PDB file of N, CA and C in Angstrom:
ATOM      1  N   MET A   1      37.371  12.845-107.639  1.00  0.00           N
ATOM      2  CA  MET A   1      36.954  14.199-107.561  1.00  0.00           C
ATOM      3  C   MET A   1      35.448  14.280-107.854  1.00  0.00           C
ATOM      4  N   PRO A   2      34.776  15.154-107.163  1.00  0.00           N
ATOM      5  CA  PRO A   2      33.340  15.187-107.326  1.00  0.00           C
ATOM      6  C   PRO A   2      32.857  15.690-108.705  1.00  0.00           C
ATOM      7  N   GLU A   3      33.555  16.638-109.258  1.00  0.00           N
ATOM      8  CA  GLU A   3      33.064  17.261-110.504  1.00  0.00           C
ATOM      9  C   GLU A   3      33.756  16.763-111.753  1.00  0.00           C
ATOM     10  N   MET A   4      35.023  16.374-111.655  1.00  0.00           N
ATOM     11  CA  MET A   4      35.757  15.826-112.834  1.00  0.00           C
ATOM     12  C   MET A   4      36.935  15.069-112.321  1.00  0.00           C
ATOM     13  N   GLY A   5      37.387  14.149-113.137  1.00  0.00           N
ATOM     14  CA  GLY A   5      38.567  13.339-112.799  1.00  0.00           C
ATOM     15  C   GLY A   5      39.861  14.093-113.129  1.00  0.00           C
ATOM     16  N   GLY A   6      40.939  13.551-112.759  1.00  0.00           N
ATOM     17  CA  GLY A   6      42.236  14.151-112.965  1.00  0.00           C
ATOM     18  C   GLY A   6      42.611  14.343-114.449  1.00  0.00           C
ATOM     19  N   LEU A   7      42.286  13.392-115.262  1.00  0.00           N
ATOM     20  CA  LEU A   7      42.596  13.510-116.697  1.00  0.00           C
ATOM     21  C   LEU A   7      41.764  14.650-117.318  1.00  0.00           C
ATOM     22  N   GLU A   8      40.503  14.667-116.950  1.00  0.00           N
ATOM     23  CA  GLU A   8      39.626  15.739-117.445  1.00  0.00           C
ATOM     24  C   GLU A   8      40.089  17.119-116.960  1.00  0.00           C
ATOM     25  N   ALA A   9      40.482  17.159-115.710  1.00  0.00           N
ATOM     26  CA  ALA A   9      40.975  18.432-115.119  1.00  0.00           C
ATOM     27  C   ALA A   9      42.252  18.891-115.853  1.00  0.00           C
ATOM     28  N   ALA A  10      43.159  17.942-116.101  1.00  0.00           N
ATOM     29  CA  ALA A  10      44.387  18.329-116.819  1.00  0.00           C
ATOM     30  C   ALA A  10      44.108  18.870-118.201  1.00  0.00           C
ATOM     31  N   ARG A  11      43.186  18.235-118.926  1.00  0.00           N
ATOM     32  CA  ARG A  11      42.783  18.714-120.236  1.00  0.00           C
ATOM     33  C   ARG A  11      42.183  20.113-120.156  1.00  0.00           C
ATOM     34  N   ALA A  12      41.313  20.362-119.152  1.00  0.00           N
ATOM     35  CA  ALA A  12      40.689  21.649-119.026  1.00  0.00           C
ATOM     36  C   ALA A  12      41.729  22.725-118.714  1.00  0.00           C
ATOM     37  N   ILE A  13      42.710  22.415-117.860  1.00  0.00           N
ATOM     38  CA  ILE A  13      43.774  23.366-117.553  1.00  0.00           C
ATOM     39  C   ILE A  13      44.564  23.680-118.817  1.00  0.00           C
ATOM     40  N   ARG A  14      44.947  22.659-119.576  1.00  0.00           N
ATOM     41  CA  ARG A  14      45.744  22.871-120.797  1.00  0.00           C
ATOM     42  C   ARG A  14      44.949  23.624-121.865  1.00  0.00           C
ATOM     43  N   ASP A  15      43.646  23.407-121.926  1.00  0.00           N
ATOM     44  CA  ASP A  15      42.831  24.164-122.854  1.00  0.00           C
ATOM     45  C   ASP A  15      42.796  25.668-122.465  1.00  0.00           C
ATOM     46  N   ARG A  16      42.716  25.915-121.198  1.00  0.00           N
ATOM     47  CA  ARG A  16      42.618  27.297-120.726  1.00  0.00           C
ATOM     48  C   ARG A  16      43.978  28.010-120.741  1.00  0.00           C
ATOM     49  N   TRP A  17      45.033  27.298-120.367  1.00  0.00           N
ATOM     50  CA  TRP A  17      46.410  27.853-120.356  1.00  0.00           C
ATOM     51  C   TRP A  17      47.336  26.956-121.149  1.00  0.00           C
ATOM     52  N   PRO A  18      47.340  27.086-122.446  1.00  0.00           N
ATOM     53  CA  PRO A  18      48.115  26.151-123.297  1.00  0.00           C
ATOM     54  C   PRO A  18      49.620  26.342-123.224  1.00  0.00           C
ATOM     55  N   ASN A  19      50.130  27.411-122.636  1.00  0.00           N
ATOM     56  CA  ASN A  19      51.587  27.661-122.615  1.00  0.00           C
ATOM     57  C   ASN A  19      52.274  26.796-121.565  1.00  0.00           C
ATOM     58  N   LYS A  20      51.593  25.968-120.838  1.00  0.00           N
ATOM     59  CA  LYS A  20      52.156  25.043-119.828  1.00  0.00           C
ATOM     60  C   LYS A  20      52.928  25.764-118.713  1.00  0.00           C
ATOM     61  N   CYS A  21      52.485  26.951-118.359  1.00  0.00           N
ATOM     62  CA  CYS A  21      53.109  27.660-117.235  1.00  0.00           C
ATOM     63  C   CYS A  21      52.742  26.992-115.907  1.00  0.00           C
ATOM     64  N   THR A  22      51.640  26.286-115.857  1.00  0.00           N
ATOM     65  CA  THR A  22      51.218  25.539-114.682  1.00  0.00           C
ATOM     66  C   THR A  22      51.636  24.123-114.806  1.00  0.00           C
ATOM     67  N   LYS A  23      52.384  23.612-113.840  1.00  0.00           N
ATOM     68  CA  LYS A  23      52.839  22.220-113.842  1.00  0.00           C
ATOM     69  C   LYS A  23      51.779  21.341-113.274  1.00  0.00           C
ATOM     70  N   ILE A  24      51.545  20.213-113.924  1.00  0.00           N
ATOM     71  CA  ILE A  24      50.558  19.226-113.436  1.00  0.00           C
ATOM     72  C   ILE A  24      51.263  17.876-113.288  1.00  0.00           C
ATOM     73  N   ILE A  25      51.258  17.390-112.062  1.00  0.00           N
ATOM     74  CA  ILE A  25      51.894  16.078-111.776  1.00  0.00           C
ATOM     75  C   ILE A  25      50.839  15.136-111.254  1.00  0.00           C
ATOM     76  N   ALA A  26      50.693  13.997-111.896  1.00  0.00           N
ATOM     77  CA  ALA A  26      49.735  12.964-111.432  1.00  0.00           C
ATOM     78  C   ALA A  26      50.364  12.212-110.277  1.00  0.00           C
ATOM     79  N   VAL A  27      49.565  12.052-109.234  1.00  0.00           N
ATOM     80  CA  VAL A  27      49.955  11.170-108.114  1.00  0.00           C
ATOM     81  C   VAL A  27      48.844  10.176-108.000  1.00  0.00           C
ATOM     82  N   THR A  28      49.147   8.938-108.357  1.00  0.00           N
ATOM     83  CA  THR A  28      48.096   7.910-108.505  1.00  0.00           C
ATOM     84  C   THR A  28      48.564   6.536-107.956  1.00  0.00           C
ATOM     85  N   SER A  29      47.613   5.709-107.668  1.00  0.00           N
ATOM     86  CA  SER A  29      47.925   4.359-107.203  1.00  0.00           C
ATOM     87  C   SER A  29      48.222   3.431-108.336  1.00  0.00           C
ATOM     88  N   CYS A  30      47.984   3.816-109.572  1.00  0.00           N
ATOM     89  CA  CYS A  30      48.246   3.013-110.753  1.00  0.00           C
ATOM     90  C   CYS A  30      49.692   3.206-111.197  1.00  0.00           C
ATOM     91  N   SER A  31      50.431   2.162-111.281  1.00  0.00           N
ATOM     92  CA  SER A  31      51.838   2.283-111.689  1.00  0.00           C
ATOM     93  C   SER A  31      52.096   1.704-113.097  1.00  0.00           C
ATOM     94  N   GLN A  32      51.028   1.362-113.790  1.00  0.00           N
ATOM     95  CA  GLN A  32      51.207   0.763-115.123  1.00  0.00           C
ATOM     96  C   GLN A  32      51.571   1.840-116.149  1.00  0.00           C
ATOM     97  N   ASN A  33      52.317   1.436-117.176  1.00  0.00           N
ATOM     98  CA  ASN A  33      52.730   2.354-118.204  1.00  0.00           C
ATOM     99  C   ASN A  33      51.517   2.960-118.954  1.00  0.00           C
ATOM    100  N   CYS A  34      50.462   2.203-119.070  1.00  0.00           N
ATOM    101  CA  CYS A  34      49.278   2.737-119.796  1.00  0.00           C
ATOM    102  C   CYS A  34      48.668   3.899-119.039  1.00  0.00           C
ATOM    103  N   CYS A  35      48.686   3.871-117.712  1.00  0.00           N
ATOM    104  CA  CYS A  35      48.176   4.972-116.911  1.00  0.00           C
ATOM    105  C   CYS A  35      49.092   6.205-117.058  1.00  0.00           C
ATOM    106  N   LYS A  36      50.384   5.973-117.062  1.00  0.00           N
ATOM    107  CA  LYS A  36      51.338   7.055-117.271  1.00  0.00           C
ATOM    108  C   LYS A  36      51.115   7.716-118.655  1.00  0.00           C
ATOM    109  N   GLU A  37      50.942   6.946-119.667  1.00  0.00           N
ATOM    110  CA  GLU A  37      50.733   7.462-120.998  1.00  0.00           C
ATOM    111  C   GLU A  37      49.423   8.273-121.082  1.00  0.00           C
ATOM    112  N   MET A  38      48.383   7.789-120.418  1.00  0.00           N
ATOM    113  CA  MET A  38      47.128   8.532-120.437  1.00  0.00           C
ATOM    114  C   MET A  38      47.309   9.913-119.778  1.00  0.00           C
ATOM    115  N   CYS A  39      48.040   9.956-118.692  1.00  0.00           N
ATOM    116  CA  CYS A  39      48.307  11.201-117.984  1.00  0.00           C
ATOM    117  C   CYS A  39      49.088  12.186-118.835  1.00  0.00           C
ATOM    118  N   ILE A  40      50.111  11.671-119.473  1.00  0.00           N
ATOM    119  CA  ILE A  40      50.954  12.505-120.358  1.00  0.00           C
ATOM    120  C   ILE A  40      50.138  13.026-121.539  1.00  0.00           C
ATOM    121  N   GLN A  41      49.319  12.124-122.121  1.00  0.00           N
ATOM    122  CA  GLN A  41      48.492  12.555-123.272  1.00  0.00           C
ATOM    123  C   GLN A  41      47.451  13.592-122.858  1.00  0.00           C
ATOM    124  N   ALA A  42      47.019  13.572-121.617  1.00  0.00           N
ATOM    125  CA  ALA A  42      46.052  14.551-121.104  1.00  0.00           C
ATOM    126  C   ALA A  42      46.674  15.920-120.840  1.00  0.00           C
ATOM    127  N   GLY A  43      48.007  15.966-120.919  1.00  0.00           N
ATOM    128  CA  GLY A  43      48.704  17.237-120.750  1.00  0.00           C
ATOM    129  C   GLY A  43      49.458  17.375-119.452  1.00  0.00           C
ATOM    130  N   MET A  44      49.537  16.320-118.689  1.00  0.00           N
ATOM    131  CA  MET A  44      50.310  16.349-117.431  1.00  0.00           C
ATOM    132  C   MET A  44      51.794  16.381-117.740  1.00  0.00           C
ATOM    133  N   ASP A  45      52.557  16.972-116.816  1.00  0.00           N
ATOM    134  CA  ASP A  45      53.984  17.113-116.982  1.00  0.00           C
ATOM    135  C   ASP A  45      54.773  15.964-116.341  1.00  0.00           C
ATOM    136  N   GLY A  46      54.160  15.224-115.461  1.00  0.00           N
ATOM    137  CA  GLY A  46      54.843  14.131-114.816  1.00  0.00           C
ATOM    138  C   GLY A  46      53.868  13.168-114.183  1.00  0.00           C
ATOM    139  N   PHE A  47      54.417  12.102-113.621  1.00  0.00           N
ATOM    140  CA  PHE A  47      53.624  10.987-113.107  1.00  0.00           C
ATOM    141  C   PHE A  47      54.360  10.370-111.931  1.00  0.00           C
ATOM    142  N   ILE A  48      53.710  10.240-110.805  1.00  0.00           N
ATOM    143  CA  ILE A  48      54.281   9.596-109.613  1.00  0.00           C
ATOM    144  C   ILE A  48      53.307   8.545-109.142  1.00  0.00           C
ATOM    145  N   ALA A  49      53.764   7.293-108.981  1.00  0.00           N
ATOM    146  CA  ALA A  49      52.903   6.248-108.487  1.00  0.00           C
ATOM    147  C   ALA A  49      53.039   6.186-106.981  1.00  0.00           C
ATOM    148  N   LYS A  50      51.880   5.911-106.328  1.00  0.00           N
ATOM    149  CA  LYS A  50      51.859   5.734-104.879  1.00  0.00           C
ATOM    150  C   LYS A  50      52.380   4.346-104.515  1.00  0.00           C
ATOM    151  N   PRO A  51      53.000   4.147-103.398  1.00  0.00           N
ATOM    152  CA  PRO A  51      53.368   5.183-102.438  1.00  0.00           C
ATOM    153  C   PRO A  51      54.509   6.025-103.002  1.00  0.00           C
ATOM    154  N   ALA A  52      54.292   7.333-102.939  1.00  0.00           N
ATOM    155  CA  ALA A  52      55.284   8.277-103.505  1.00  0.00           C
ATOM    156  C   ALA A  52      56.493   8.362-102.584  1.00  0.00           C
ATOM    157  N   LYS A  53      57.635   8.410-103.222  1.00  0.00           N
ATOM    158  CA  LYS A  53      58.894   8.595-102.481  1.00  0.00           C
ATOM    159  C   LYS A  53      59.210  10.057-102.438  1.00  0.00           C
ATOM    160  N   LYS A  54      59.779  10.482-101.372  1.00  0.00           N
ATOM    161  CA  LYS A  54      60.156  11.899-101.148  1.00  0.00           C
ATOM    162  C   LYS A  54      61.035  12.354-102.312  1.00  0.00           C
ATOM    163  N   GLU A  55      61.973  11.559-102.757  1.00  0.00           N
ATOM    164  CA  GLU A  55      62.897  11.910-103.830  1.00  0.00           C
ATOM    165  C   GLU A  55      62.161  12.140-105.150  1.00  0.00           C
ATOM    166  N   ASP A  56      61.134  11.321-105.412  1.00  0.00           N
ATOM    167  CA  ASP A  56      60.340  11.462-106.643  1.00  0.00           C
ATOM    168  C   ASP A  56      59.607  12.806-106.643  1.00  0.00           C
ATOM    169  N   ILE A  57      59.014  13.159-105.485  1.00  0.00           N
ATOM    170  CA  ILE A  57      58.283  14.417-105.402  1.00  0.00           C
ATOM    171  C   ILE A  57      59.235  15.593-105.530  1.00  0.00           C
ATOM    172  N   LEU A  58      60.360  15.513-104.885  1.00  0.00           N
ATOM    173  CA  LEU A  58      61.335  16.624-104.905  1.00  0.00           C
ATOM    174  C   LEU A  58      61.896  16.815-106.314  1.00  0.00           C
ATOM    175  N   ALA A  59      61.986  15.747-107.066  1.00  0.00           N
ATOM    176  CA  ALA A  59      62.519  15.838-108.448  1.00  0.00           C
ATOM    177  C   ALA A  59      61.617  16.751-109.313  1.00  0.00           C
ATOM    178  N   PHE A  60      60.337  16.711-109.085  1.00  0.00           N
ATOM    179  CA  PHE A  60      59.404  17.527-109.865  1.00  0.00           C
ATOM    180  C   PHE A  60      59.320  18.959-109.382  1.00  0.00           C
ATOM    181  N   LEU A  61      59.669  19.157-108.116  1.00  0.00           N
ATOM    182  CA  LEU A  61      59.623  20.531-107.572  1.00  0.00           C
ATOM    183  C   LEU A  61      60.825  21.293-107.995  1.00  0.00           C
TER     184      LEU A  61
END
């Protein structure tokens, strides 16, 4: 992203709207557990590794 990365964006959203009414799902090429943990710690609600499966996306919707 040109202005901020996904982790920074998730933190900014959570700072502005702390009640978690907005769902944030990471879709990334990294499938390692450390990447998943960083996303969850940043305030994301879920994590999908690419290539994303239709079933994984539908589970979050």
